[in-house]
Amino acid sequence: MTPSLVELVFSKESLFAVSLFPYLGFLWFMTKKVETPKIALIGFYLTLLFVAVTIPVGAYAQLTLHKSLADVDILHGGAEFFLTLSNVAIAIGFGKAIHSIETQQSE
């Protein structure tokens, strides 16, 4: 059965592709802001690495193993590692920034 135009426009692949542009705008804005903690900024960029890793790994799982990425634990865990890494960097970056602000205010 051929997918309808609505199904094509609102497919998860097309929505994913469209969502990349606002995220790239967000990264551009955060990069320009001097106040953005560097470690947090690295974490936001690592999110792109997560996406870059997940797409080919998911395609491999689907095309070669005939399974969803979520059903192949070793591949899924490896891809999710990059998301965890980015989240930890973001948390550490903003945590250090908050601590720095609190230290300055207490002086």
PDB file of N, CA and C in Angstrom:
ATOM      1  N   MET A   1       0.835  -1.184   0.000  1.00  0.00           N
ATOM      2  CA  MET A   1       0.000   0.000   0.000  1.00  0.00           C
ATOM      3  C   MET A   1       0.884   1.253   0.000  1.00  0.00           C
ATOM      4  N   THR A   2       0.587   2.197  -0.857  1.00  0.00           N
ATOM      5  CA  THR A   2       1.338   3.435  -0.961  1.00  0.00           C
ATOM      6  C   THR A   2       0.916   4.387   0.149  1.00  0.00           C
ATOM      7  N   PRO A   3       1.905   4.987   0.858  1.00  0.00           N
ATOM      8  CA  PRO A   3       1.539   5.918   1.927  1.00  0.00           C
ATOM      9  C   PRO A   3       0.918   7.200   1.357  1.00  0.00           C
ATOM     10  N   SER A   4      -0.003   7.764   2.110  1.00  0.00           N
ATOM     11  CA  SER A   4      -0.642   9.010   1.682  1.00  0.00           C
ATOM     12  C   SER A   4       0.318  10.176   1.881  1.00  0.00           C
ATOM     13  N   LEU A   5      -0.028  11.325   1.314  1.00  0.00           N
ATOM     14  CA  LEU A   5       0.794  12.526   1.457  1.00  0.00           C
ATOM     15  C   LEU A   5       0.922  12.916   2.923  1.00  0.00           C
ATOM     16  N   VAL A   6      -0.150  12.809   3.677  1.00  0.00           N
ATOM     17  CA  VAL A   6      -0.128  13.143   5.112  1.00  0.00           C
ATOM     18  C   VAL A   6       0.834  12.216   5.849  1.00  0.00           C
ATOM     19  N   GLU A   7       0.803  10.934   5.516  1.00  0.00           N
ATOM     20  CA  GLU A   7       1.703   9.979   6.162  1.00  0.00           C
ATOM     21  C   GLU A   7       3.159  10.273   5.816  1.00  0.00           C
ATOM     22  N   LEU A   8       3.420  10.697   4.601  1.00  0.00           N
ATOM     23  CA  LEU A   8       4.783  11.042   4.204  1.00  0.00           C
ATOM     24  C   LEU A   8       5.267  12.312   4.896  1.00  0.00           C
ATOM     25  N   VAL A   9       4.414  13.334   4.930  1.00  0.00           N
ATOM     26  CA  VAL A   9       4.792  14.613   5.534  1.00  0.00           C
ATOM     27  C   VAL A   9       5.016  14.469   7.027  1.00  0.00           C
ATOM     28  N   PHE A  10       4.178  13.676   7.687  1.00  0.00           N
ATOM     29  CA  PHE A  10       4.262  13.532   9.133  1.00  0.00           C
ATOM     30  C   PHE A  10       4.929  12.229   9.561  1.00  0.00           C
ATOM     31  N   SER A  11       5.737  11.653   8.689  1.00  0.00           N
ATOM     32  CA  SER A  11       6.467  10.447   9.075  1.00  0.00           C
ATOM     33  C   SER A  11       7.543  10.832  10.082  1.00  0.00           C
ATOM     34  N   LYS A  12       7.972   9.869  10.871  1.00  0.00           N
ATOM     35  CA  LYS A  12       8.987  10.168  11.880  1.00  0.00           C
ATOM     36  C   LYS A  12      10.299  10.607  11.234  1.00  0.00           C
ATOM     37  N   GLU A  13      10.599  10.109  10.050  1.00  0.00           N
ATOM     38  CA  GLU A  13      11.831  10.507   9.383  1.00  0.00           C
ATOM     39  C   GLU A  13      11.785  11.971   8.955  1.00  0.00           C
ATOM     40  N   SER A  14      10.649  12.404   8.381  1.00  0.00           N
ATOM     41  CA  SER A  14      10.569  13.793   7.936  1.00  0.00           C
ATOM     42  C   SER A  14      10.492  14.742   9.131  1.00  0.00           C
ATOM     43  N   LEU A  15       9.797  14.350  10.177  1.00  0.00           N
ATOM     44  CA  LEU A  15       9.747  15.194  11.375  1.00  0.00           C
ATOM     45  C   LEU A  15      11.123  15.290  12.026  1.00  0.00           C
ATOM     46  N   PHE A  16      11.870  14.193  12.014  1.00  0.00           N
ATOM     47  CA  PHE A  16      13.216  14.209  12.554  1.00  0.00           C
ATOM     48  C   PHE A  16      14.100  15.163  11.760  1.00  0.00           C
ATOM     49  N   ALA A  17      14.015  15.090  10.440  1.00  0.00           N
ATOM     50  CA  ALA A  17      14.834  15.954   9.590  1.00  0.00           C
ATOM     51  C   ALA A  17      14.496  17.429   9.817  1.00  0.00           C
ATOM     52  N   VAL A  18      13.222  17.732   9.939  1.00  0.00           N
ATOM     53  CA  VAL A  18      12.799  19.119  10.160  1.00  0.00           C
ATOM     54  C   VAL A  18      13.240  19.602  11.539  1.00  0.00           C
ATOM     55  N   SER A  19      13.236  18.720  12.534  1.00  0.00           N
ATOM     56  CA  SER A  19      13.608  19.122  13.894  1.00  0.00           C
ATOM     57  C   SER A  19      15.090  19.443  14.016  1.00  0.00           C
ATOM     58  N   LEU A  20      15.884  19.001  13.069  1.00  0.00           N
ATOM     59  CA  LEU A  20      17.308  19.278  13.127  1.00  0.00           C
ATOM     60  C   LEU A  20      17.602  20.769  12.960  1.00  0.00           C
ATOM     61  N   PHE A  21      16.830  21.465  12.142  1.00  0.00           N
ATOM     62  CA  PHE A  21      17.075  22.895  11.897  1.00  0.00           C
ATOM     63  C   PHE A  21      16.897  23.749  13.147  1.00  0.00           C
ATOM     64  N   PRO A  22      15.821  23.594  13.911  1.00  0.00           N
ATOM     65  CA  PRO A  22      15.740  24.379  15.154  1.00  0.00           C
ATOM     66  C   PRO A  22      16.870  24.045  16.129  1.00  0.00           C
ATOM     67  N   TYR A  23      17.275  22.777  16.177  1.00  0.00           N
ATOM     68  CA  TYR A  23      18.365  22.408  17.093  1.00  0.00           C
ATOM     69  C   TYR A  23      19.677  23.044  16.650  1.00  0.00           C
ATOM     70  N   LEU A  24      19.926  23.079  15.348  1.00  0.00           N
ATOM     71  CA  LEU A  24      21.135  23.740  14.860  1.00  0.00           C
ATOM     72  C   LEU A  24      21.087  25.240  15.153  1.00  0.00           C
ATOM     73  N   GLY A  25      19.898  25.845  15.050  1.00  0.00           N
ATOM     74  CA  GLY A  25      19.747  27.249  15.438  1.00  0.00           C
ATOM     75  C   GLY A  25      20.021  27.452  16.920  1.00  0.00           C
ATOM     76  N   PHE A  26      19.529  26.542  17.738  1.00  0.00           N
ATOM     77  CA  PHE A  26      19.785  26.583  19.174  1.00  0.00           C
ATOM     78  C   PHE A  26      21.288  26.498  19.442  1.00  0.00           C
ATOM     79  N   LEU A  27      21.979  25.586  18.767  1.00  0.00           N
ATOM     80  CA  LEU A  27      23.428  25.461  18.955  1.00  0.00           C
ATOM     81  C   LEU A  27      24.152  26.732  18.534  1.00  0.00           C
ATOM     82  N   TRP A  28      23.730  27.314  17.431  1.00  0.00           N
ATOM     83  CA  TRP A  28      24.356  28.553  16.967  1.00  0.00           C
ATOM     84  C   TRP A  28      24.181  29.646  18.020  1.00  0.00           C
ATOM     85  N   PHE A  29      22.959  29.779  18.542  1.00  0.00           N
ATOM     86  CA  PHE A  29      22.680  30.787  19.556  1.00  0.00           C
ATOM     87  C   PHE A  29      23.508  30.536  20.818  1.00  0.00           C
ATOM     88  N   MET A  30      23.541  29.297  21.276  1.00  0.00           N
ATOM     89  CA  MET A  30      24.284  28.974  22.497  1.00  0.00           C
ATOM     90  C   MET A  30      25.785  29.163  22.307  1.00  0.00           C
ATOM     91  N   THR A  31      26.282  28.933  21.099  1.00  0.00           N
ATOM     92  CA  THR A  31      27.696  29.122  20.820  1.00  0.00           C
ATOM     93  C   THR A  31      28.058  30.608  20.857  1.00  0.00           C
ATOM     94  N   LYS A  32      27.151  31.455  20.395  1.00  0.00           N
ATOM     95  CA  LYS A  32      27.405  32.895  20.375  1.00  0.00           C
ATOM     96  C   LYS A  32      27.337  33.520  21.769  1.00  0.00           C
ATOM     97  N   LYS A  33      26.567  32.905  22.677  1.00  0.00           N
ATOM     98  CA  LYS A  33      26.423  33.446  24.030  1.00  0.00           C
ATOM     99  C   LYS A  33      27.691  33.176  24.831  1.00  0.00           C
ATOM    100  N   VAL A  34      28.326  34.229  25.306  1.00  0.00           N
ATOM    101  CA  VAL A  34      29.548  34.089  26.092  1.00  0.00           C
ATOM    102  C   VAL A  34      29.263  33.391  27.423  1.00  0.00           C
ATOM    103  N   GLU A  35      28.041  33.556  27.936  1.00  0.00           N
ATOM    104  CA  GLU A  35      27.689  33.013  29.240  1.00  0.00           C
ATOM    105  C   GLU A  35      27.472  31.500  29.233  1.00  0.00           C
ATOM    106  N   THR A  36      27.358  30.896  28.071  1.00  0.00           N
ATOM    107  CA  THR A  36      27.096  29.462  28.003  1.00  0.00           C
ATOM    108  C   THR A  36      28.301  28.698  28.540  1.00  0.00           C
ATOM    109  N   PRO A  37      28.088  27.858  29.541  1.00  0.00           N
ATOM    110  CA  PRO A  37      29.206  27.060  30.063  1.00  0.00           C
ATOM    111  C   PRO A  37      29.786  26.161  28.970  1.00  0.00           C
ATOM    112  N   LYS A  38      31.104  26.164  28.843  1.00  0.00           N
ATOM    113  CA  LYS A  38      31.756  25.422  27.755  1.00  0.00           C
ATOM    114  C   LYS A  38      31.472  23.925  27.826  1.00  0.00           C
ATOM    115  N   ILE A  39      31.490  23.357  29.021  1.00  0.00           N
ATOM    116  CA  ILE A  39      31.239  21.915  29.134  1.00  0.00           C
ATOM    117  C   ILE A  39      29.806  21.593  28.722  1.00  0.00           C
ATOM    118  N   ALA A  40      28.859  22.453  29.096  1.00  0.00           N
ATOM    119  CA  ALA A  40      27.466  22.242  28.687  1.00  0.00           C
ATOM    120  C   ALA A  40      27.336  22.356  27.166  1.00  0.00           C
ATOM    121  N   LEU A  41      28.039  23.311  26.584  1.00  0.00           N
ATOM    122  CA  LEU A  41      28.004  23.474  25.129  1.00  0.00           C
ATOM    123  C   LEU A  41      28.556  22.222  24.438  1.00  0.00           C
ATOM    124  N   ILE A  42      29.628  21.675  24.977  1.00  0.00           N
ATOM    125  CA  ILE A  42      30.163  20.423  24.435  1.00  0.00           C
ATOM    126  C   ILE A  42      29.107  19.333  24.525  1.00  0.00           C
ATOM    127  N   GLY A  43      28.373  19.300  25.642  1.00  0.00           N
ATOM    128  CA  GLY A  43      27.298  18.317  25.798  1.00  0.00           C
ATOM    129  C   GLY A  43      26.218  18.470  24.745  1.00  0.00           C
ATOM    130  N   PHE A  44      25.852  19.710  24.440  1.00  0.00           N
ATOM    131  CA  PHE A  44      24.841  19.929  23.399  1.00  0.00           C
ATOM    132  C   PHE A  44      25.342  19.463  22.035  1.00  0.00           C
ATOM    133  N   TYR A  45      26.632  19.684  21.765  1.00  0.00           N
ATOM    134  CA  TYR A  45      27.199  19.193  20.507  1.00  0.00           C
ATOM    135  C   TYR A  45      27.307  17.668  20.494  1.00  0.00           C
ATOM    136  N   LEU A  46      27.546  17.076  21.657  1.00  0.00           N
ATOM    137  CA  LEU A  46      27.595  15.616  21.737  1.00  0.00           C
ATOM    138  C   LEU A  46      26.240  14.987  21.412  1.00  0.00           C
ATOM    139  N   THR A  47      25.172  15.746  21.605  1.00  0.00           N
ATOM    140  CA  THR A  47      23.854  15.249  21.218  1.00  0.00           C
ATOM    141  C   THR A  47      23.806  15.011  19.714  1.00  0.00           C
ATOM    142  N   LEU A  48      24.465  15.876  18.949  1.00  0.00           N
ATOM    143  CA  LEU A  48      24.563  15.648  17.504  1.00  0.00           C
ATOM    144  C   LEU A  48      25.366  14.381  17.204  1.00  0.00           C
ATOM    145  N   LEU A  49      26.390  14.122  18.007  1.00  0.00           N
ATOM    146  CA  LEU A  49      27.154  12.888  17.833  1.00  0.00           C
ATOM    147  C   LEU A  49      26.258  11.676  18.092  1.00  0.00           C
ATOM    148  N   PHE A  50      25.421  11.774  19.115  1.00  0.00           N
ATOM    149  CA  PHE A  50      24.467  10.695  19.399  1.00  0.00           C
ATOM    150  C   PHE A  50      23.587  10.434  18.176  1.00  0.00           C
ATOM    151  N   VAL A  51      23.072  11.499  17.576  1.00  0.00           N
ATOM    152  CA  VAL A  51      22.221  11.358  16.397  1.00  0.00           C
ATOM    153  C   VAL A  51      23.025  10.748  15.237  1.00  0.00           C
ATOM    154  N   ALA A  52      24.250  11.239  15.054  1.00  0.00           N
ATOM    155  CA  ALA A  52      25.093  10.748  13.964  1.00  0.00           C
ATOM    156  C   ALA A  52      25.436   9.270  14.129  1.00  0.00           C
ATOM    157  N   VAL A  53      25.546   8.802  15.358  1.00  0.00           N
ATOM    158  CA  VAL A  53      25.837   7.391  15.615  1.00  0.00           C
ATOM    159  C   VAL A  53      24.568   6.555  15.484  1.00  0.00           C
ATOM    160  N   THR A  54      23.469   7.070  16.001  1.00  0.00           N
ATOM    161  CA  THR A  54      22.227   6.300  16.053  1.00  0.00           C
ATOM    162  C   THR A  54      21.664   5.995  14.665  1.00  0.00           C
ATOM    163  N   ILE A  55      21.751   6.930  13.745  1.00  0.00           N
ATOM    164  CA  ILE A  55      21.169   6.728  12.417  1.00  0.00           C
ATOM    165  C   ILE A  55      21.813   5.537  11.692  1.00  0.00           C
ATOM    166  N   PRO A  56      23.132   5.487  11.530  1.00  0.00           N
ATOM    167  CA  PRO A  56      23.688   4.321  10.827  1.00  0.00           C
ATOM    168  C   PRO A  56      23.559   3.013  11.615  1.00  0.00           C
ATOM    169  N   VAL A  57      23.652   3.095  12.938  1.00  0.00           N
ATOM    170  CA  VAL A  57      23.514   1.883  13.743  1.00  0.00           C
ATOM    171  C   VAL A  57      22.082   1.347  13.630  1.00  0.00           C
ATOM    172  N   GLY A  58      21.112   2.249  13.653  1.00  0.00           N
ATOM    173  CA  GLY A  58      19.717   1.839  13.471  1.00  0.00           C
ATOM    174  C   GLY A  58      19.471   1.250  12.092  1.00  0.00           C
ATOM    175  N   ALA A  59      20.088   1.842  11.085  1.00  0.00           N
ATOM    176  CA  ALA A  59      19.952   1.319   9.725  1.00  0.00           C
ATOM    177  C   ALA A  59      20.586  -0.068   9.618  1.00  0.00           C
ATOM    178  N   TYR A  60      21.734  -0.247  10.244  1.00  0.00           N
ATOM    179  CA  TYR A  60      22.388  -1.563  10.251  1.00  0.00           C
ATOM    180  C   TYR A  60      21.488  -2.606  10.919  1.00  0.00           C
ATOM    181  N   ALA A  61      20.932  -2.249  12.065  1.00  0.00           N
ATOM    182  CA  ALA A  61      20.052  -3.186  12.773  1.00  0.00           C
ATOM    183  C   ALA A  61      18.856  -3.565  11.905  1.00  0.00           C
ATOM    184  N   GLN A  62      18.284  -2.583  11.225  1.00  0.00           N
ATOM    185  CA  GLN A  62      17.096  -2.829  10.416  1.00  0.00           C
ATOM    186  C   GLN A  62      17.423  -3.629   9.150  1.00  0.00           C
ATOM    187  N   LEU A  63      18.469  -3.230   8.446  1.00  0.00           N
ATOM    188  CA  LEU A  63      18.770  -3.831   7.155  1.00  0.00           C
ATOM    189  C   LEU A  63      19.492  -5.175   7.259  1.00  0.00           C
ATOM    190  N   THR A  64      20.378  -5.304   8.218  1.00  0.00           N
ATOM    191  CA  THR A  64      21.174  -6.517   8.333  1.00  0.00           C
ATOM    192  C   THR A  64      20.550  -7.539   9.271  1.00  0.00           C
ATOM    193  N   LEU A  65      20.113  -7.064  10.437  1.00  0.00           N
ATOM    194  CA  LEU A  65      19.581  -7.980  11.446  1.00  0.00           C
ATOM    195  C   LEU A  65      18.061  -8.120  11.378  1.00  0.00           C
ATOM    196  N   HIS A  66      17.427  -7.257  10.594  1.00  0.00           N
ATOM    197  CA  HIS A  66      15.965  -7.247  10.444  1.00  0.00           C
ATOM    198  C   HIS A  66      15.258  -7.051  11.783  1.00  0.00           C
ATOM    199  N   LYS A  67      15.856  -6.194  12.610  1.00  0.00           N
ATOM    200  CA  LYS A  67      15.282  -5.869  13.915  1.00  0.00           C
ATOM    201  C   LYS A  67      15.370  -4.367  14.133  1.00  0.00           C
ATOM    202  N   SER A  68      14.533  -3.884  15.016  1.00  0.00           N
ATOM    203  CA  SER A  68      14.605  -2.489  15.431  1.00  0.00           C
ATOM    204  C   SER A  68      15.852  -2.306  16.288  1.00  0.00           C
ATOM    205  N   LEU A  69      16.427  -1.111  16.269  1.00  0.00           N
ATOM    206  CA  LEU A  69      17.595  -0.821  17.096  1.00  0.00           C
ATOM    207  C   LEU A  69      17.312  -1.122  18.561  1.00  0.00           C
ATOM    208  N   ALA A  70      16.116  -0.805  19.018  1.00  0.00           N
ATOM    209  CA  ALA A  70      15.748  -1.034  20.417  1.00  0.00           C
ATOM    210  C   ALA A  70      15.753  -2.519  20.780  1.00  0.00           C
ATOM    211  N   ASP A  71      15.683  -3.400  19.783  1.00  0.00           N
ATOM    212  CA  ASP A  71      15.656  -4.839  20.042  1.00  0.00           C
ATOM    213  C   ASP A  71      17.037  -5.495  20.020  1.00  0.00           C
ATOM    214  N   VAL A  72      18.067  -4.726  19.691  1.00  0.00           N
ATOM    215  CA  VAL A  72      19.436  -5.260  19.664  1.00  0.00           C
ATOM    216  C   VAL A  72      20.205  -4.556  20.781  1.00  0.00           C
ATOM    217  N   ASP A  73      20.235  -5.196  21.933  1.00  0.00           N
ATOM    218  CA  ASP A  73      20.737  -4.548  23.145  1.00  0.00           C
ATOM    219  C   ASP A  73      22.140  -3.975  23.019  1.00  0.00           C
ATOM    220  N   ILE A  74      23.054  -4.710  22.437  1.00  0.00           N
ATOM    221  CA  ILE A  74      24.436  -4.237  22.364  1.00  0.00           C
ATOM    222  C   ILE A  74      24.547  -2.987  21.487  1.00  0.00           C
ATOM    223  N   LEU A  75      23.823  -2.952  20.396  1.00  0.00           N
ATOM    224  CA  LEU A  75      23.849  -1.771  19.525  1.00  0.00           C
ATOM    225  C   LEU A  75      23.104  -0.605  20.176  1.00  0.00           C
ATOM    226  N   HIS A  76      21.966  -0.901  20.758  1.00  0.00           N
ATOM    227  CA  HIS A  76      21.163   0.140  21.398  1.00  0.00           C
ATOM    228  C   HIS A  76      21.930   0.761  22.564  1.00  0.00           C
ATOM    229  N   GLY A  77      22.541  -0.087  23.377  1.00  0.00           N
ATOM    230  CA  GLY A  77      23.323   0.423  24.506  1.00  0.00           C
ATOM    231  C   GLY A  77      24.497   1.266  24.065  1.00  0.00           C
ATOM    232  N   GLY A  78      25.161   0.827  23.000  1.00  0.00           N
ATOM    233  CA  GLY A  78      26.287   1.605  22.473  1.00  0.00           C
ATOM    234  C   GLY A  78      25.865   2.964  21.968  1.00  0.00           C
ATOM    235  N   ALA A  79      24.735   3.011  21.282  1.00  0.00           N
ATOM    236  CA  ALA A  79      24.238   4.291  20.780  1.00  0.00           C
ATOM    237  C   ALA A  79      23.788   5.184  21.937  1.00  0.00           C
ATOM    238  N   GLU A  80      23.096   4.599  22.903  1.00  0.00           N
ATOM    239  CA  GLU A  80      22.597   5.375  24.047  1.00  0.00           C
ATOM    240  C   GLU A  80      23.730   5.910  24.918  1.00  0.00           C
ATOM    241  N   PHE A  81      24.896   5.269  24.857  1.00  0.00           N
ATOM    242  CA  PHE A  81      26.053   5.761  25.606  1.00  0.00           C
ATOM    243  C   PHE A  81      26.352   7.214  25.236  1.00  0.00           C
ATOM    244  N   PHE A  82      26.238   7.537  23.949  1.00  0.00           N
ATOM    245  CA  PHE A  82      26.539   8.903  23.510  1.00  0.00           C
ATOM    246  C   PHE A  82      25.499   9.904  24.032  1.00  0.00           C
ATOM    247  N   LEU A  83      24.258   9.472  24.159  1.00  0.00           N
ATOM    248  CA  LEU A  83      23.239  10.344  24.748  1.00  0.00           C
ATOM    249  C   LEU A  83      23.529  10.555  26.228  1.00  0.00           C
ATOM    250  N   THR A  84      23.902   9.499  26.915  1.00  0.00           N
ATOM    251  CA  THR A  84      24.257   9.617  28.336  1.00  0.00           C
ATOM    252  C   THR A  84      25.455  10.544  28.508  1.00  0.00           C
ATOM    253  N   LEU A  85      26.441  10.383  27.660  1.00  0.00           N
ATOM    254  CA  LEU A  85      27.629  11.235  27.714  1.00  0.00           C
ATOM    255  C   LEU A  85      27.260  12.704  27.525  1.00  0.00           C
ATOM    256  N   SER A  86      26.397  12.980  26.577  1.00  0.00           N
ATOM    257  CA  SER A  86      25.989  14.372  26.346  1.00  0.00           C
ATOM    258  C   SER A  86      25.198  14.916  27.533  1.00  0.00           C
ATOM    259  N   ASN A  87      24.313  14.110  28.097  1.00  0.00           N
ATOM    260  CA  ASN A  87      23.536  14.563  29.255  1.00  0.00           C
ATOM    261  C   ASN A  87      24.424  14.841  30.462  1.00  0.00           C
ATOM    262  N   VAL A  88      25.416  13.995  30.691  1.00  0.00           N
ATOM    263  CA  VAL A  88      26.337  14.198  31.813  1.00  0.00           C
ATOM    264  C   VAL A  88      27.128  15.491  31.608  1.00  0.00           C
ATOM    265  N   ALA A  89      27.608  15.727  30.390  1.00  0.00           N
ATOM    266  CA  ALA A  89      28.369  16.956  30.118  1.00  0.00           C
ATOM    267  C   ALA A  89      27.503  18.198  30.336  1.00  0.00           C
ATOM    268  N   ILE A  90      26.259  18.149  29.896  1.00  0.00           N
ATOM    269  CA  ILE A  90      25.351  19.288  30.091  1.00  0.00           C
ATOM    270  C   ILE A  90      25.120  19.520  31.581  1.00  0.00           C
ATOM    271  N   ALA A  91      24.864  18.462  32.323  1.00  0.00           N
ATOM    272  CA  ALA A  91      24.608  18.592  33.767  1.00  0.00           C
ATOM    273  C   ALA A  91      25.832  19.120  34.501  1.00  0.00           C
ATOM    274  N   ILE A  92      27.007  18.599  34.176  1.00  0.00           N
ATOM    275  CA  ILE A  92      28.231  19.076  34.828  1.00  0.00           C
ATOM    276  C   ILE A  92      28.486  20.534  34.475  1.00  0.00           C
ATOM    277  N   GLY A  93      28.325  20.888  33.211  1.00  0.00           N
ATOM    278  CA  GLY A  93      28.564  22.270  32.782  1.00  0.00           C
ATOM    279  C   GLY A  93      27.676  23.267  33.498  1.00  0.00           C
ATOM    280  N   PHE A  94      26.381  22.994  33.541  1.00  0.00           N
ATOM    281  CA  PHE A  94      25.478  23.925  34.226  1.00  0.00           C
ATOM    282  C   PHE A  94      25.629  23.840  35.737  1.00  0.00           C
ATOM    283  N   GLY A  95      25.958  22.665  36.254  1.00  0.00           N
ATOM    284  CA  GLY A  95      26.208  22.543  37.691  1.00  0.00           C
ATOM    285  C   GLY A  95      27.379  23.387  38.126  1.00  0.00           C
ATOM    286  N   LYS A  96      28.462  23.348  37.342  1.00  0.00           N
ATOM    287  CA  LYS A  96      29.629  24.181  37.654  1.00  0.00           C
ATOM    288  C   LYS A  96      29.292  25.666  37.534  1.00  0.00           C
ATOM    289  N   ALA A  97      28.487  26.028  36.548  1.00  0.00           N
ATOM    290  CA  ALA A  97      28.097  27.432  36.373  1.00  0.00           C
ATOM    291  C   ALA A  97      27.263  27.906  37.564  1.00  0.00           C
ATOM    292  N   ILE A  98      26.330  27.088  38.014  1.00  0.00           N
ATOM    293  CA  ILE A  98      25.503  27.449  39.180  1.00  0.00           C
ATOM    294  C   ILE A  98      26.374  27.580  40.417  1.00  0.00           C
ATOM    295  N   HIS A  99      27.288  26.645  40.614  1.00  0.00           N
ATOM    296  CA  HIS A  99      28.190  26.702  41.762  1.00  0.00           C
ATOM    297  C   HIS A  99      29.043  27.975  41.718  1.00  0.00           C
ATOM    298  N   SER A 100      29.520  28.328  40.533  1.00  0.00           N
ATOM    299  CA  SER A 100      30.324  29.537  40.375  1.00  0.00           C
ATOM    300  C   SER A 100      29.533  30.793  40.730  1.00  0.00           C
ATOM    301  N   ILE A 101      28.293  30.857  40.284  1.00  0.00           N
ATOM    302  CA  ILE A 101      27.432  32.009  40.588  1.00  0.00           C
ATOM    303  C   ILE A 101      27.150  32.090  42.081  1.00  0.00           C
ATOM    304  N   GLU A 102      26.852  30.931  42.703  1.00  0.00           N
ATOM    305  CA  GLU A 102      26.587  30.917  44.140  1.00  0.00           C
ATOM    306  C   GLU A 102      27.811  31.355  44.934  1.00  0.00           C
ATOM    307  N   THR A 103      28.996  30.933  44.483  1.00  0.00           N
ATOM    308  CA  THR A 103      30.240  31.319  45.160  1.00  0.00           C
ATOM    309  C   THR A 103      30.474  32.823  45.047  1.00  0.00           C
ATOM    310  N   GLN A 104      30.209  33.385  43.866  1.00  0.00           N
ATOM    311  CA  GLN A 104      30.386  34.827  43.676  1.00  0.00           C
ATOM    312  C   GLN A 104      29.413  35.626  44.524  1.00  0.00           C
ATOM    313  N   GLN A 105      28.187  35.139  44.663  1.00  0.00           N
ATOM    314  CA  GLN A 105      27.184  35.866  45.439  1.00  0.00           C
ATOM    315  C   GLN A 105      27.463  35.806  46.933  1.00  0.00           C
ATOM    316  N   SER A 106      28.118  34.740  47.401  1.00  0.00           N
ATOM    317  CA  SER A 106      28.379  34.618  48.821  1.00  0.00           C
ATOM    318  C   SER A 106      29.609  35.415  49.273  1.00  0.00           C
ATOM    319  N   GLU A 107      30.388  35.886  48.323  1.00  0.00           N
ATOM    320  CA  GLU A 107      31.598  36.661  48.666  1.00  0.00           C
ATOM    321  C   GLU A 107      31.276  38.094  48.954  1.00  0.00           C
TER     322      GLU A 107
END
